[in-house]
Amino acid sequence: MKGSDRRALAGTKEKGERTIDYSIVIPVFNEEDNLLELYQRLTTVMSDLSANYEIILIDDGSTDNSFHIIEALCDNDNHVRAIQLTRNFGQHPALMAGFDAARGEVIITLDADLQNPPEEIPKLVEKLNEGYEVVFGVFQQRKHSVFRRAGSLFTKWVLSKIIPADTTNISACKAVKSYVIDQFMLLSEKNKFFSGLLCWLGYRVSTVELRHDKRRAGKTKYSTFRLVTLWMDMVVSFTDLPLKIAIFGGLFLGLFGFALALFYLVRYFVYGFGVPGFATIVILVTFFSGVQLFALGILGEYIGRMNRELKKRPDYIIRKRVN
């Protein structure tokens, strides 16, 4: 789909159509216990900035009362706008739905679990006003589990090796100029890792240190499986390095197998000893089978993504809009 067609269908605003100062885009999935406090704190902060603003809450297929609460907020405050998706499409497609609807010159993203304190938004805005175009919030001390923190550090290290920009301090809390978002929305790929692509675009990126709080209520939506899936999205979307690893790994193991066979032949004909035991054969067959399946899995991941790209399905489907 061409960029102009995509803007027409998605509703992305041109520069002249940006009518307010700030758009706060927040994906919501089963956050009924956090929404009221999030709204109250966010409204206080944005009112203190003395600027025009809108709060866009995207209900990403919640199964609790989240959207009913969002609708009530919309009825009481015209600053709040709501988008309800037909099902759970994921955090990044939900963000894209919010970007399509945003009218602000500056777009700010937060999580709905209050681990990104709304009171830290002025720090993002202040840094953005220094001339930067993308500002990530860097957390002083993450309140995640040890496993989650270790995974985040590993992910940042991998991204720093495959993206030609500083990705060591990316986070979900960020402030971005609207024209950067417009360029991001022109990217036609389906598997969009938002933070990584913002760095890839080449705009001026900076960071600012923010507070990170514990989740107030509810459970994290990122299970171990979802974190691993997200990591795969990051790596496969930006590089063909896994394919190269599979190629060179296969080459190395092929040479190793040839050398091992040669060793056993020399040992048999020169010294009269055969292969030492059935266990060795089982171990080698199991090992090489695992390597082959791993390589096939990597290849299948790339082919599967190509298949999804060719289908050209929409990133999300909207059930309802409010305000």
Protein backbone atom coordinates (compact mmCIF):
# COMPACT_ATOMS: atom_id res chain seq x y z
CA MET A 1 0.00 0.00 0.00
CA LYS A 2 1.38 3.41 -0.94
CA GLY A 3 2.10 5.98 1.76
CA SER A 4 -0.61 8.38 0.59
CA ASP A 5 -3.20 5.58 0.51
CA ARG A 6 -2.17 4.45 3.97
CA ARG A 7 -2.60 7.94 5.38
CA ALA A 8 -6.00 8.27 3.76
CA LEU A 9 -7.23 4.99 5.21
CA ALA A 10 -5.62 5.31 8.61
CA GLY A 11 -6.37 8.97 9.17
CA THR A 12 -2.81 10.08 9.86
CA LYS A 13 -2.70 13.86 10.20
CA GLU A 14 -0.62 16.01 7.94
CA LYS A 15 1.49 18.72 9.56
CA GLY A 16 -1.06 21.43 8.88
CA GLU A 17 -3.81 19.40 10.57
CA ARG A 18 -2.09 19.15 13.94
CA THR A 19 -4.50 21.15 16.07
CA ILE A 20 -3.27 20.62 19.64
CA ASP A 21 0.00 20.54 21.53
CA TYR A 22 0.16 17.10 23.12
CA SER A 23 -1.36 13.68 22.45
CA ILE A 24 -0.90 11.08 25.19
CA VAL A 25 -1.37 7.63 23.67
CA ILE A 26 -1.97 4.77 26.11
CA PRO A 27 -2.78 1.14 25.18
CA VAL A 28 -5.11 -0.51 27.70
CA PHE A 29 -5.59 -4.23 28.30
CA ASN A 30 -7.46 -5.30 31.43
CA GLU A 31 -6.44 -2.29 33.55
CA GLU A 32 -9.77 -1.47 35.24
CA ASP A 33 -8.13 -1.00 38.65
CA ASN A 34 -5.61 1.55 37.38
CA LEU A 35 -7.59 3.70 34.94
CA LEU A 36 -9.20 6.18 37.31
CA GLU A 37 -5.98 6.98 39.13
CA LEU A 38 -4.14 7.17 35.80
CA TYR A 39 -6.69 9.67 34.48
CA GLN A 40 -6.65 11.83 37.62
CA ARG A 41 -2.87 12.05 37.81
CA LEU A 42 -2.48 12.56 34.08
CA THR A 43 -5.09 15.33 33.99
CA THR A 44 -3.37 17.16 36.84
CA VAL A 45 -0.01 17.01 35.09
CA MET A 46 -1.28 18.13 31.69
CA SER A 47 -3.31 20.96 33.19
CA ASP A 48 -0.18 22.26 34.89
CA LEU A 49 1.57 22.39 31.50
CA SER A 50 -1.01 24.99 30.39
CA ALA A 51 -1.29 23.51 26.90
CA ASN A 52 -3.90 21.92 24.70
CA TYR A 53 -3.85 18.16 25.09
CA GLU A 54 -5.75 14.98 24.42
CA ILE A 55 -5.61 11.58 26.12
CA ILE A 56 -6.15 8.69 23.72
CA LEU A 57 -6.96 5.39 25.43
CA ILE A 58 -6.90 2.34 23.16
CA ASP A 59 -8.78 -0.64 24.56
CA ASP A 60 -6.90 -3.62 23.14
CA GLY A 61 -9.60 -6.27 23.57
CA SER A 62 -9.99 -6.02 27.35
CA THR A 63 -12.21 -8.65 28.98
CA ASP A 64 -12.84 -6.67 32.19
CA ASN A 65 -14.63 -3.33 32.67
CA SER A 66 -11.80 -1.24 31.24
CA PHE A 67 -13.73 0.11 28.26
CA HIS A 68 -16.81 0.97 30.35
CA ILE A 69 -14.56 3.07 32.59
CA ILE A 70 -12.95 4.67 29.55
CA GLU A 71 -16.37 5.55 28.10
CA ALA A 72 -17.36 7.18 31.39
CA LEU A 73 -14.18 9.26 31.32
CA CYS A 74 -14.97 10.35 27.76
CA ASP A 75 -18.47 11.41 28.79
CA ASN A 76 -17.10 13.61 31.55
CA ASP A 77 -14.05 15.07 29.82
CA ASN A 78 -13.68 16.03 26.16
CA HIS A 79 -9.91 15.77 26.50
CA VAL A 80 -10.29 11.99 26.66
CA ARG A 81 -10.76 10.03 23.44
CA ALA A 82 -11.29 6.29 23.19
CA ILE A 83 -10.69 3.60 20.60
CA GLN A 84 -11.96 0.07 21.14
CA LEU A 85 -10.37 -2.68 19.05
CA THR A 86 -12.31 -5.80 18.12
CA ARG A 87 -9.85 -8.09 19.89
CA ASN A 88 -6.41 -8.16 21.47
CA PHE A 89 -4.04 -7.24 18.63
CA GLY A 90 -1.05 -6.49 20.85
CA GLN A 91 0.61 -3.41 22.29
CA HIS A 92 2.28 -2.18 19.10
CA PRO A 93 -0.83 -2.37 16.86
CA ALA A 94 -2.77 -0.61 19.65
CA LEU A 95 -0.18 2.15 19.66
CA MET A 96 -0.54 2.50 15.90
CA ALA A 97 -4.30 2.94 16.29
CA GLY A 98 -3.58 5.77 18.71
CA PHE A 99 -1.02 7.35 16.38
CA ASP A 100 -3.52 7.30 13.52
CA ALA A 101 -5.98 9.26 15.66
CA ALA A 102 -3.49 11.62 17.36
CA ARG A 103 -3.71 15.36 16.57
CA GLY A 104 -0.86 16.61 18.74
CA GLU A 105 2.40 18.23 17.68
CA VAL A 106 4.06 16.07 20.33
CA ILE A 107 3.01 12.48 20.98
CA ILE A 108 3.71 10.91 24.36
CA THR A 109 3.34 7.19 25.08
CA LEU A 110 2.80 5.61 28.47
CA ASP A 111 1.78 2.23 29.86
CA ALA A 112 -1.55 2.07 31.70
CA ASP A 113 -0.16 0.22 34.74
CA LEU A 114 1.22 3.42 36.36
CA GLN A 115 4.77 2.10 36.38
CA ASN A 116 5.50 5.12 34.18
CA PRO A 117 4.48 7.96 36.54
CA PRO A 118 2.53 10.68 34.69
CA GLU A 119 4.26 13.25 36.89
CA GLU A 120 7.48 12.60 34.93
CA ILE A 121 6.02 13.83 31.62
CA PRO A 122 7.34 17.42 32.04
CA LYS A 123 10.89 16.01 32.05
CA LEU A 124 10.27 14.40 28.65
CA VAL A 125 8.82 17.63 27.28
CA GLU A 126 11.69 19.73 28.63
CA LYS A 127 14.25 17.47 26.98
CA LEU A 128 12.32 17.50 23.70
CA ASN A 129 12.37 21.30 23.74
CA GLU A 130 16.18 21.22 23.71
CA GLY A 131 16.04 20.30 20.02
CA TYR A 132 15.69 16.53 20.13
CA GLU A 133 13.01 14.72 18.14
CA VAL A 134 12.70 11.49 20.11
CA VAL A 135 13.16 11.31 23.90
CA PHE A 136 13.09 8.02 25.81
CA GLY A 137 12.54 7.83 29.53
CA VAL A 138 15.38 6.00 31.29
CA PHE A 139 14.32 4.53 34.61
CA GLN A 140 16.46 5.12 37.66
CA GLN A 141 15.66 1.72 39.14
CA ARG A 142 13.29 -0.70 37.46
CA LYS A 143 10.63 -2.27 39.68
CA HIS A 144 10.42 -5.42 37.57
CA SER A 145 11.43 -8.92 38.64
CA VAL A 146 15.07 -10.01 38.33
CA PHE A 147 14.16 -12.17 35.32
CA ARG A 148 12.45 -9.25 33.58
CA ARG A 149 15.35 -6.90 34.24
CA ALA A 150 17.86 -9.46 32.94
CA GLY A 151 15.78 -9.93 29.80
CA SER A 152 15.61 -6.17 29.23
CA LEU A 153 19.38 -5.81 29.53
CA PHE A 154 19.96 -8.66 27.10
CA THR A 155 17.45 -7.22 24.64
CA LYS A 156 19.09 -3.80 24.73
CA TRP A 157 22.50 -5.35 24.17
CA VAL A 158 21.23 -7.26 21.12
CA LEU A 159 19.56 -4.16 19.67
CA SER A 160 22.73 -2.13 20.14
CA LYS A 161 24.48 -4.61 17.85
CA ILE A 162 21.92 -4.66 15.04
CA ILE A 163 20.50 -1.10 14.86
CA PRO A 164 22.78 1.80 13.79
CA ALA A 165 21.70 4.05 16.68
CA ASP A 166 21.78 4.19 20.46
CA THR A 167 19.19 1.63 21.59
CA THR A 168 20.64 0.90 25.00
CA ASN A 169 18.09 3.08 26.77
CA ILE A 170 14.82 2.55 24.91
CA SER A 171 11.61 2.25 26.91
CA ALA A 172 7.83 2.39 26.54
CA CYS A 173 7.74 5.90 28.04
CA LYS A 174 8.71 8.40 25.38
CA ALA A 175 7.94 11.75 23.74
CA VAL A 176 8.14 12.05 19.96
CA LYS A 177 7.61 14.85 17.46
CA SER A 178 4.55 14.28 15.29
CA TYR A 179 6.47 14.33 11.98
CA VAL A 180 8.61 11.44 13.25
CA ILE A 181 5.44 9.45 13.92
CA ASP A 182 4.21 10.34 10.42
CA GLN A 183 7.34 8.82 8.93
CA PHE A 184 7.03 5.77 11.15
CA MET A 185 3.47 5.20 9.96
CA LEU A 186 4.65 5.12 6.34
CA LEU A 187 6.62 1.92 7.04
CA SER A 188 4.60 -0.89 5.51
CA GLU A 189 5.99 -3.85 7.46
CA LYS A 190 3.55 -5.67 9.74
CA ASN A 191 5.90 -6.60 12.58
CA LYS A 192 6.78 -3.15 13.88
CA PHE A 193 9.05 -2.85 16.90
CA PHE A 194 8.22 0.78 17.64
CA SER A 195 11.16 1.87 19.80
CA GLY A 196 13.75 0.19 17.59
CA LEU A 197 12.32 1.71 14.41
CA LEU A 198 12.32 5.18 15.96
CA CYS A 199 16.07 4.82 16.41
CA TRP A 200 16.46 3.34 12.93
CA LEU A 201 14.74 6.35 11.29
CA GLY A 202 17.75 8.50 12.11
CA TYR A 203 16.18 11.43 13.96
CA ARG A 204 17.85 13.11 16.93
CA VAL A 205 17.38 10.79 19.92
CA SER A 206 18.04 11.52 23.58
CA THR A 207 17.13 10.16 27.00
CA VAL A 208 16.07 11.58 30.34
CA GLU A 209 16.13 9.85 33.72
CA LEU A 210 12.69 9.08 35.15
CA ARG A 211 11.23 7.39 38.20
CA HIS A 212 9.88 3.86 37.78
CA ASP A 213 7.14 2.71 40.16
CA LYS A 214 5.73 -0.68 41.06
CA ARG A 215 2.53 -1.81 39.39
CA ARG A 216 -0.39 -0.48 41.47
CA ALA A 217 -2.91 -3.23 40.65
CA GLY A 218 -3.41 -6.19 38.35
CA LYS A 219 -0.82 -8.47 36.79
CA THR A 220 1.78 -7.86 34.13
CA LYS A 221 0.64 -8.71 30.59
CA TYR A 222 4.10 -9.87 29.55
CA SER A 223 4.50 -13.56 30.28
CA THR A 224 7.79 -15.35 29.60
CA PHE A 225 6.42 -16.56 26.26
CA ARG A 226 5.38 -13.05 25.20
CA LEU A 227 8.77 -11.64 26.19
CA VAL A 228 10.55 -14.29 24.10
CA THR A 229 8.19 -13.58 21.19
CA LEU A 230 8.87 -9.85 21.48
CA TRP A 231 12.61 -10.54 21.48
CA MET A 232 12.24 -12.60 18.29
CA ASP A 233 10.26 -9.74 16.72
CA MET A 234 13.08 -7.34 17.50
CA VAL A 235 15.86 -9.50 16.10
CA VAL A 236 14.13 -10.86 13.00
CA SER A 237 12.68 -7.45 12.07
CA PHE A 238 16.08 -5.74 11.95
CA THR A 239 18.63 -8.28 10.78
CA ASP A 240 19.26 -11.56 8.99
CA LEU A 241 21.93 -12.42 11.58
CA PRO A 242 20.08 -15.57 12.79
CA LEU A 243 20.21 -16.96 9.25
CA LYS A 244 23.94 -16.30 9.08
CA ILE A 245 24.42 -17.98 12.45
CA ALA A 246 22.52 -21.02 11.16
CA ILE A 247 24.68 -21.12 8.00
CA PHE A 248 28.02 -20.86 9.77
CA GLY A 249 26.84 -23.09 12.60
CA GLY A 250 25.86 -25.75 10.08
CA LEU A 251 29.20 -25.38 8.31
CA PHE A 252 31.10 -25.73 11.57
CA LEU A 253 29.12 -28.78 12.68
CA GLY A 254 29.55 -30.36 9.24
CA LEU A 255 33.32 -29.97 9.52
CA PHE A 256 33.20 -31.27 13.07
CA GLY A 257 31.24 -34.35 11.95
CA PHE A 258 33.68 -34.99 9.10
CA ALA A 259 36.67 -34.68 11.44
CA LEU A 260 35.01 -37.02 13.96
CA ALA A 261 34.30 -39.60 11.25
CA LEU A 262 37.91 -39.36 10.05
CA PHE A 263 39.13 -39.82 13.63
CA TYR A 264 37.05 -42.97 14.09
CA LEU A 265 38.23 -44.40 10.75
CA VAL A 266 41.88 -43.84 11.63
CA ARG A 267 41.31 -45.30 15.08
CA TYR A 268 39.62 -48.39 13.61
CA PHE A 269 42.11 -49.19 10.84
CA VAL A 270 45.29 -48.19 12.70
CA TYR A 271 44.55 -49.19 16.28
CA GLY A 272 41.71 -51.67 15.80
CA PHE A 273 39.20 -49.82 18.01
CA GLY A 274 35.61 -49.17 16.88
CA VAL A 275 33.14 -46.47 17.94
CA PRO A 276 33.17 -46.42 21.77
CA GLY A 277 29.62 -47.24 22.72
CA PHE A 278 26.00 -46.79 21.78
CA ALA A 279 25.68 -43.74 24.07
CA THR A 280 28.02 -41.72 21.86
CA ILE A 281 25.82 -42.34 18.82
CA VAL A 282 22.66 -41.35 20.70
CA ILE A 283 24.22 -38.15 22.00
CA LEU A 284 25.52 -37.10 18.59
CA VAL A 285 22.23 -37.88 16.81
CA THR A 286 20.27 -35.97 19.44
CA PHE A 287 22.63 -33.00 19.29
CA PHE A 288 22.66 -32.70 15.51
CA SER A 289 18.91 -33.20 15.33
CA GLY A 290 18.41 -30.34 17.77
CA VAL A 291 20.69 -28.08 15.74
CA GLN A 292 18.84 -28.94 12.53
CA LEU A 293 15.44 -28.23 14.07
CA PHE A 294 16.74 -24.93 15.47
CA ALA A 295 18.00 -23.88 12.03
CA LEU A 296 14.70 -24.90 10.42
CA GLY A 297 12.85 -22.90 13.07
CA ILE A 298 14.86 -19.76 12.23
CA LEU A 299 14.17 -20.25 8.53
CA GLY A 300 10.48 -20.86 9.24
CA GLU A 301 10.27 -17.64 11.28
CA TYR A 302 11.48 -15.58 8.34
CA ILE A 303 9.21 -17.40 5.87
CA GLY A 304 6.23 -16.95 8.20
CA ARG A 305 6.86 -13.22 8.37
CA MET A 306 7.09 -13.03 4.60
CA ASN A 307 3.73 -14.82 4.42
CA ARG A 308 2.13 -12.30 6.81
CA GLU A 309 3.56 -9.39 4.84
CA LEU A 310 2.11 -10.72 1.57
CA LYS A 311 -1.37 -11.08 3.06
CA LYS A 312 -1.48 -7.31 3.79
CA ARG A 313 -3.99 -7.68 6.59
CA PRO A 314 -4.70 -4.51 8.60
CA ASP A 315 -2.68 -3.97 11.76
CA TYR A 316 -5.87 -3.59 13.79
CA ILE A 317 -9.66 -3.35 13.43
CA ILE A 318 -11.66 -0.72 15.31
CA ARG A 319 -14.98 -1.61 16.88
CA LYS A 320 -15.87 1.78 18.36
CA ARG A 321 -14.62 5.33 18.74
CA VAL A 322 -15.64 7.80 21.44
CA ASN A 323 -15.06 11.59 21.26
